[in-house]
Amino acid sequence: MTITAGAPPTHGTPLALARGFVTGGVVGTAPAAFVVGIIIENVALIVTGLALPAVYGLLYFLAGMPRRAREAAVVPRTALAMIESLEAIGSESSDVPVRFDLTVAPDDAPAYRVEISQSINLVELPDYRPRGIVVVQYPPDRPWRVRIVKRPTPEWEGRLAGAHLDSAPASARVSAPPEGCAVGFVGLLGLLLGAAAVIVLFRADLFAQETTAQPPSSSKPSVSSTSSTTVVSSASGTVTLGPGQSFLDKGELRRAIDSLTQGKDSRQALTVVVQERLLSVVFAPTGTQAPQFDADSLPYERFPALIEEARTTLGVHSPETWQLTADRLTGTLTIRVGVTGSEGTASLEADGQGEVVRRSPAR
């Protein structure tokens, strides 16, 4: 069963492809500009690397305002729904993210199944139980965007009393249209081209920096390549994983960090940037006053959970790319995880122990 009436497909359209390409370009250009700027001591490039994501996020938000206005103008439909099952997927402060499996029974359409995530106040959590009946609302053209109405109108409260619903079959489940692979491909292409453009434009400065930064005995980077490629210099280090690997694999990130810091007298870093298959570490130059931290002190065991939380609980249902950045630019060690998808961009921030302190859902 598929309920998509009035919802024109957006995946794979030229606009979506262009948006994915530009987003990938920004994701690739910003960290590359920041890292290259630190290596060659180019303040303008460092500022560009920091400001580019913020500017792009603002433009992305402004460009989406007409669409959000149109969506807000659509009168949502109200219906009764039965809770098939529920599961708490977090325990943060007083609001707990809960995953619901619902049977929604519209008055003018067949019942269907849908899975949603919604934050419920800890005090109200006992009110929701399997086989319980709730009032929900959803846009007519996006029936998978169901939200439980916590305080229904008196009319619906009356219908709620004594209501009984039958479970819809699993074959009647609806969900958001799958993301086309073309969008992911152009996003990856934009990421690679963005990073490559920065490196190519400043290759002369980079090579000059490598020549003068260290004595001849250590000027040649160490490179090892089996399932991954490691390049280490006095100023930075990168590890690139091979196909089928990910830094989310157990122990992979810790091994990569050890390979970059092994044998160094000081493991102080200015920034650590992690993507799916790319790790970049910018080491603090000797005698620098820039905010720095011990690369070994990061809570690497918490990174997979932080990335998973950012990908699943911030409203980006089909994440295309993610990036984790650790630095002390604000004075204290901060870990930021950003995800990008068709719904927009979202991010969360954690402290030096990997505990989440701020969330910015997709809008």
Protein backbone atom coordinates (compact mmCIF):
# COMPACT_ATOMS: atom_id res chain seq x y z
CA MET A 1 0.00 0.00 0.00
CA THR A 2 1.34 3.43 -0.88
CA ILE A 3 -0.34 6.71 0.04
CA THR A 4 1.32 9.53 -1.87
CA ALA A 5 -1.57 11.49 -3.32
CA GLY A 6 -0.71 15.09 -3.85
CA ALA A 7 2.99 14.58 -3.06
CA PRO A 8 5.03 15.19 -6.20
CA PRO A 9 8.32 13.30 -6.21
CA THR A 10 11.28 15.44 -5.28
CA HIS A 11 14.10 12.91 -5.22
CA GLY A 12 16.25 12.94 -8.34
CA THR A 13 14.86 16.24 -9.68
CA PRO A 14 17.38 18.74 -11.07
CA LEU A 15 16.83 20.97 -8.03
CA ALA A 16 17.47 18.11 -5.61
CA LEU A 17 20.57 17.05 -7.54
CA ALA A 18 21.90 20.61 -7.59
CA ARG A 19 21.21 21.00 -3.87
CA GLY A 20 22.98 17.72 -3.13
CA PHE A 21 25.99 18.74 -5.23
CA VAL A 22 26.30 22.15 -3.56
CA THR A 23 25.86 20.63 -0.10
CA GLY A 24 28.55 18.06 -0.82
CA GLY A 25 30.81 20.82 -2.14
CA VAL A 26 30.42 22.83 1.06
CA VAL A 27 31.02 19.74 3.22
CA GLY A 28 34.22 19.02 1.31
CA THR A 29 35.47 22.59 0.93
CA ALA A 30 35.00 23.83 4.52
CA PRO A 31 37.23 21.31 6.40
CA ALA A 32 39.77 21.29 3.55
CA ALA A 33 40.02 25.09 3.66
CA PHE A 34 40.31 25.09 7.46
CA VAL A 35 43.03 22.42 7.52
CA VAL A 36 45.00 23.87 4.59
CA GLY A 37 44.69 27.36 6.09
CA ILE A 38 46.25 26.18 9.36
CA ILE A 39 49.05 24.35 7.57
CA ILE A 40 50.04 27.34 5.40
CA GLU A 41 49.08 29.87 8.12
CA ASN A 42 46.54 31.63 5.92
CA VAL A 43 44.05 33.39 8.21
CA ALA A 44 41.61 34.21 5.41
CA LEU A 45 41.42 30.54 4.44
CA ILE A 46 40.86 29.48 8.05
CA VAL A 47 38.02 31.99 8.40
CA THR A 48 36.54 30.77 5.11
CA GLY A 49 36.58 27.19 6.37
CA LEU A 50 34.74 28.21 9.54
CA ALA A 51 32.30 30.68 7.98
CA LEU A 52 31.34 28.74 4.84
CA PRO A 53 29.10 26.16 6.59
CA ALA A 54 27.36 28.90 8.60
CA VAL A 55 26.72 31.03 5.52
CA TYR A 56 25.52 28.06 3.51
CA GLY A 57 23.26 26.94 6.37
CA LEU A 58 21.70 30.41 6.52
CA LEU A 59 21.14 30.49 2.75
CA TYR A 60 19.72 26.95 2.87
CA PHE A 61 17.33 28.01 5.62
CA LEU A 62 16.21 31.13 3.75
CA ALA A 63 15.75 29.21 0.49
CA GLY A 64 13.51 26.71 2.27
CA MET A 65 11.23 29.31 3.81
CA PRO A 66 8.71 29.40 0.89
CA ARG A 67 8.43 25.60 0.96
CA ARG A 68 7.94 25.55 4.72
CA ALA A 69 5.34 28.30 4.40
CA ARG A 70 3.43 26.23 1.83
CA GLU A 71 3.61 23.16 4.04
CA ALA A 72 2.45 25.14 7.07
CA ALA A 73 -0.53 26.45 5.11
CA VAL A 74 -1.79 22.91 4.45
CA VAL A 75 -4.48 21.93 6.96
CA PRO A 76 -3.43 18.66 8.58
CA ARG A 77 -5.76 15.71 8.77
CA THR A 78 -6.77 14.35 12.13
CA ALA A 79 -7.39 10.68 12.80
CA LEU A 80 -7.42 8.03 15.50
CA ALA A 81 -4.46 5.67 15.78
CA MET A 82 -3.60 2.59 17.79
CA ILE A 83 -0.17 2.05 19.32
CA GLU A 84 1.12 -1.31 18.10
CA SER A 85 4.41 -1.00 19.99
CA LEU A 86 6.69 1.65 21.44
CA GLU A 87 10.33 1.82 22.45
CA ALA A 88 12.31 4.54 24.22
CA ILE A 89 15.43 5.32 22.19
CA GLY A 90 17.03 7.83 24.57
CA SER A 91 16.99 9.19 28.09
CA GLU A 92 17.71 12.87 27.89
CA SER A 93 16.46 15.24 30.59
CA SER A 94 12.67 15.30 30.92
CA ASP A 95 11.80 14.54 27.26
CA VAL A 96 12.41 10.98 26.09
CA PRO A 97 12.59 10.18 22.34
CA VAL A 98 10.19 7.28 21.70
CA ARG A 99 9.82 5.18 18.56
CA PHE A 100 6.14 4.35 17.89
CA ASP A 101 4.67 1.74 15.55
CA LEU A 102 1.12 2.96 14.84
CA THR A 103 -1.99 1.86 12.99
CA VAL A 104 -3.58 5.06 11.67
CA ALA A 105 -7.28 4.90 10.79
CA PRO A 106 -8.39 7.94 8.70
CA ASP A 107 -12.13 8.53 8.36
CA ASP A 108 -12.02 8.64 4.54
CA ALA A 109 -9.22 6.19 3.69
CA PRO A 110 -8.04 2.68 4.56
CA ALA A 111 -6.04 2.20 7.75
CA TYR A 112 -2.27 1.99 7.40
CA ARG A 113 0.83 1.33 9.48
CA VAL A 114 3.58 3.87 10.08
CA GLU A 115 6.66 4.16 12.28
CA ILE A 116 7.52 7.52 13.86
CA SER A 117 9.79 9.00 16.52
CA GLN A 118 8.47 11.63 18.91
CA SER A 119 9.67 13.09 22.20
CA ILE A 120 7.38 12.37 25.16
CA ASN A 121 7.64 13.98 28.58
CA LEU A 122 8.82 11.49 31.18
CA VAL A 123 5.76 12.20 33.34
CA GLU A 124 3.37 11.46 30.44
CA LEU A 125 5.16 8.31 29.25
CA PRO A 126 2.95 5.88 31.26
CA ASP A 127 -0.10 7.22 29.33
CA TYR A 128 1.20 5.57 26.16
CA ARG A 129 0.99 1.79 26.05
CA PRO A 130 0.53 -0.93 23.42
CA ARG A 131 -3.07 -1.21 22.10
CA GLY A 132 -3.77 2.28 23.44
CA ILE A 133 -5.68 4.74 21.21
CA VAL A 134 -4.33 8.22 20.49
CA VAL A 135 -5.25 11.16 18.27
CA VAL A 136 -2.78 11.96 15.49
CA GLN A 137 -2.35 14.53 12.75
CA TYR A 138 -0.49 14.36 9.44
CA PRO A 139 -0.23 16.36 6.19
CA PRO A 140 -2.62 15.01 3.54
CA ASP A 141 0.19 14.61 1.01
CA ARG A 142 2.71 13.10 3.47
CA PRO A 143 0.89 10.48 5.55
CA TRP A 144 4.18 9.17 6.96
CA ARG A 145 4.74 12.44 8.88
CA VAL A 146 2.40 11.50 11.69
CA ARG A 147 2.54 13.37 15.01
CA ILE A 148 0.67 12.36 18.15
CA VAL A 149 -1.64 15.11 19.42
CA LYS A 150 -0.97 15.34 23.14
CA ARG A 151 -3.96 17.59 23.89
CA PRO A 152 -6.78 16.86 21.39
CA THR A 153 -9.88 19.02 21.04
CA PRO A 154 -13.01 18.11 23.06
CA GLU A 155 -14.57 16.60 19.91
CA TRP A 156 -11.67 14.20 19.42
CA GLU A 157 -11.46 13.49 23.13
CA GLY A 158 -15.06 12.35 22.88
CA ARG A 159 -14.25 10.07 19.94
CA LEU A 160 -11.22 8.78 21.80
CA ALA A 161 -13.31 7.54 24.71
CA GLY A 162 -14.21 3.92 24.11
CA ALA A 163 -12.71 3.83 20.62
CA HIS A 164 -11.49 0.49 19.29
CA LEU A 165 -9.29 -0.07 16.23
CA ASP A 166 -8.06 -3.17 14.45
CA SER A 167 -4.41 -3.53 13.50
CA ALA A 168 -3.54 -2.77 9.90
CA PRO A 169 -1.48 -5.46 8.15
CA ALA A 170 2.27 -5.02 7.75
CA SER A 171 1.77 -4.75 3.97
CA ALA A 172 -0.11 -1.48 4.57
CA ARG A 173 2.98 0.25 6.00
CA VAL A 174 3.86 3.66 4.51
CA SER A 175 7.12 5.58 4.67
CA ALA A 176 8.87 8.48 3.02
CA PRO A 177 9.91 7.88 -0.61
CA PRO A 178 13.41 6.39 -0.72
CA GLU A 179 16.26 8.74 -1.52
CA GLY A 180 17.52 8.26 -5.05
CA CYS A 181 21.12 7.11 -5.43
CA ALA A 182 21.73 9.96 -7.89
CA VAL A 183 21.48 12.54 -5.10
CA GLY A 184 24.00 10.66 -2.97
CA PHE A 185 26.33 10.31 -5.95
CA VAL A 186 26.32 14.00 -6.85
CA GLY A 187 26.72 14.87 -3.16
CA LEU A 188 29.84 12.69 -2.95
CA LEU A 189 31.08 14.17 -6.22
CA GLY A 190 30.62 17.69 -4.85
CA LEU A 191 32.45 16.75 -1.64
CA LEU A 192 35.45 15.38 -3.53
CA LEU A 193 35.58 18.28 -5.99
CA GLY A 194 35.30 20.85 -3.18
CA ALA A 195 38.17 19.34 -1.22
CA ALA A 196 40.25 18.85 -4.37
CA ALA A 197 39.69 22.45 -5.48
CA VAL A 198 41.15 23.82 -2.24
CA ILE A 199 44.17 21.53 -2.39
CA VAL A 200 44.84 22.30 -6.07
CA LEU A 201 44.50 26.07 -5.62
CA PHE A 202 46.97 26.12 -2.72
CA ARG A 203 49.23 23.22 -3.73
CA ALA A 204 52.23 25.50 -4.20
CA ASP A 205 51.95 26.81 -0.63
CA LEU A 206 51.38 23.31 0.72
CA PHE A 207 54.44 21.87 -1.00
CA ALA A 208 56.56 24.83 0.12
CA GLN A 209 55.31 24.31 3.69
CA GLU A 210 56.23 20.63 3.60
CA THR A 211 59.73 21.44 2.30
CA THR A 212 60.55 23.97 5.05
CA ALA A 213 58.60 22.58 7.98
CA GLN A 214 60.94 19.73 8.90
CA PRO A 215 64.51 18.48 8.39
CA PRO A 216 65.35 16.21 5.43
CA SER A 217 65.45 13.11 7.62
CA SER A 218 61.75 13.42 8.45
CA SER A 219 60.40 15.46 5.56
CA LYS A 220 59.16 12.45 3.64
CA PRO A 221 55.70 11.40 4.77
CA SER A 222 55.25 7.85 5.90
CA VAL A 223 52.74 6.03 3.73
CA SER A 224 51.35 2.58 4.27
CA SER A 225 48.62 1.12 2.13
CA THR A 226 46.81 -2.14 2.58
CA SER A 227 43.18 -1.55 3.39
CA SER A 228 43.90 2.08 4.26
CA THR A 229 46.31 4.88 3.36
CA THR A 230 48.10 6.88 6.05
CA VAL A 231 49.99 10.12 5.38
CA VAL A 232 51.77 11.85 8.28
CA SER A 233 53.81 15.05 8.35
CA SER A 234 54.92 17.36 11.13
CA ALA A 235 51.85 19.55 10.69
CA SER A 236 49.03 17.12 9.92
CA GLY A 237 48.01 13.56 9.30
CA THR A 238 45.28 11.83 7.30
CA VAL A 239 43.99 8.29 7.09
CA THR A 240 41.84 7.18 4.15
CA LEU A 241 40.04 3.86 4.42
CA GLY A 242 39.50 1.51 1.52
CA PRO A 243 36.13 0.47 0.00
CA GLY A 244 33.75 -1.28 2.35
CA GLN A 245 35.34 0.20 5.48
CA SER A 246 34.13 2.90 7.84
CA PHE A 247 35.47 4.73 10.86
CA LEU A 248 32.28 3.60 12.60
CA ASP A 249 33.67 0.05 12.59
CA LYS A 250 34.71 -1.06 16.07
CA GLY A 251 38.23 0.06 16.94
CA GLU A 252 38.95 1.48 13.48
CA LEU A 253 39.11 5.11 14.56
CA ARG A 254 41.33 4.41 17.57
CA ARG A 255 43.80 2.45 15.40
CA ALA A 256 43.90 5.30 12.89
CA ILE A 257 44.56 7.92 15.58
CA ASP A 258 47.36 5.76 17.04
CA SER A 259 48.96 5.46 13.60
CA LEU A 260 49.03 9.27 13.29
CA THR A 261 50.35 10.05 16.77
CA GLN A 262 52.77 7.15 17.19
CA GLY A 263 56.31 8.31 17.91
CA LYS A 264 55.43 11.97 18.42
CA ASP A 265 56.74 13.73 21.52
CA SER A 266 53.55 15.78 21.69
CA ARG A 267 50.14 14.56 20.70
CA GLN A 268 48.55 17.98 20.95
CA ALA A 269 46.10 18.68 18.12
CA LEU A 270 44.28 21.76 16.89
CA THR A 271 41.43 19.88 15.26
CA VAL A 272 40.26 16.34 14.49
CA VAL A 273 37.82 15.83 11.60
CA VAL A 274 36.19 12.44 10.95
CA GLN A 275 34.04 11.43 7.97
CA GLU A 276 32.88 8.01 6.82
CA ARG A 277 36.26 6.98 5.34
CA LEU A 278 38.47 10.01 5.97
CA LEU A 279 40.27 11.11 9.16
CA SER A 280 42.20 14.38 9.30
CA VAL A 281 44.23 15.63 12.27
CA VAL A 282 45.95 19.01 12.39
CA PHE A 283 48.76 18.95 14.95
CA ALA A 284 49.64 21.99 17.04
CA PRO A 285 52.95 23.54 15.95
CA THR A 286 55.63 23.76 18.63
CA GLY A 287 55.23 26.92 20.70
CA THR A 288 51.82 27.86 19.29
CA GLN A 289 49.33 29.64 21.55
CA ALA A 290 46.30 28.36 19.62
CA PRO A 291 43.73 26.33 21.62
CA GLN A 292 44.84 22.69 21.51
CA PHE A 293 44.06 19.35 23.13
CA ASP A 294 45.48 15.87 23.55
CA ALA A 295 44.36 13.79 20.57
CA ASP A 296 44.34 10.68 22.79
CA SER A 297 41.93 12.28 25.27
CA LEU A 298 38.89 12.21 22.95
CA PRO A 299 36.09 9.78 23.91
CA TYR A 300 36.40 7.72 20.73
CA GLU A 301 34.18 4.98 22.11
CA ARG A 302 31.33 7.52 22.20
CA PHE A 303 31.71 8.68 18.58
CA PRO A 304 29.57 5.93 16.92
CA ALA A 305 26.71 6.59 19.36
CA LEU A 306 26.90 10.36 18.81
CA ILE A 307 26.88 9.92 15.02
CA GLU A 308 23.99 7.44 15.21
CA GLU A 309 21.99 9.84 17.40
CA ALA A 310 22.59 12.71 14.98
CA ARG A 311 21.51 10.55 12.02
CA THR A 312 18.34 9.17 13.62
CA THR A 313 16.91 11.69 16.10
CA LEU A 314 17.35 15.13 14.55
CA GLY A 315 14.78 14.95 11.76
CA VAL A 316 17.11 13.95 8.89
CA HIS A 317 15.45 10.68 7.93
CA SER A 318 17.69 9.94 4.93
CA PRO A 319 21.15 11.26 5.90
CA GLU A 320 23.50 11.58 2.92
CA THR A 321 26.69 12.67 4.67
CA TRP A 322 27.97 13.15 8.21
CA GLN A 323 31.02 14.81 9.74
CA LEU A 324 32.43 14.89 13.26
CA THR A 325 34.75 17.72 14.32
CA ALA A 326 36.62 18.10 17.61
CA ASP A 327 38.35 21.37 18.55
CA ARG A 328 38.80 23.95 21.29
CA LEU A 329 38.03 27.07 19.27
CA THR A 330 35.49 28.17 21.88
CA GLY A 331 37.88 27.58 24.80
CA THR A 332 36.57 24.20 25.89
CA LEU A 333 36.82 20.91 24.03
CA THR A 334 33.75 20.60 21.80
CA ILE A 335 32.66 17.69 19.64
CA ARG A 336 30.27 18.58 16.81
CA VAL A 337 28.40 16.10 14.62
CA GLY A 338 26.64 17.41 11.51
CA VAL A 339 24.40 15.43 9.16
CA THR A 340 22.94 16.49 5.83
CA GLY A 341 20.01 15.03 3.93
CA SER A 342 16.99 15.94 1.84
CA GLU A 343 15.29 17.38 4.95
CA GLY A 344 18.15 19.84 5.47
CA THR A 345 21.06 19.95 7.90
CA ALA A 346 21.12 19.11 11.58
CA SER A 347 23.79 18.95 14.24
CA LEU A 348 24.53 18.19 17.84
CA GLU A 349 27.32 19.22 20.20
CA ALA A 350 28.93 17.16 22.95
CA ASP A 351 31.46 17.95 25.65
CA GLY A 352 34.88 16.37 26.14
CA GLN A 353 33.29 13.27 27.73
CA GLY A 354 30.98 12.71 24.77
CA GLU A 355 27.84 13.85 26.58
CA VAL A 356 25.39 15.75 24.38
CA VAL A 357 24.89 19.37 25.44
CA ARG A 358 23.05 20.89 22.47
CA ARG A 359 20.92 19.70 19.57
CA SER A 360 19.93 21.58 16.41
CA PRO A 361 17.26 19.54 14.55
CA ALA A 362 16.62 19.88 10.84
CA ARG A 363 14.21 22.69 9.91
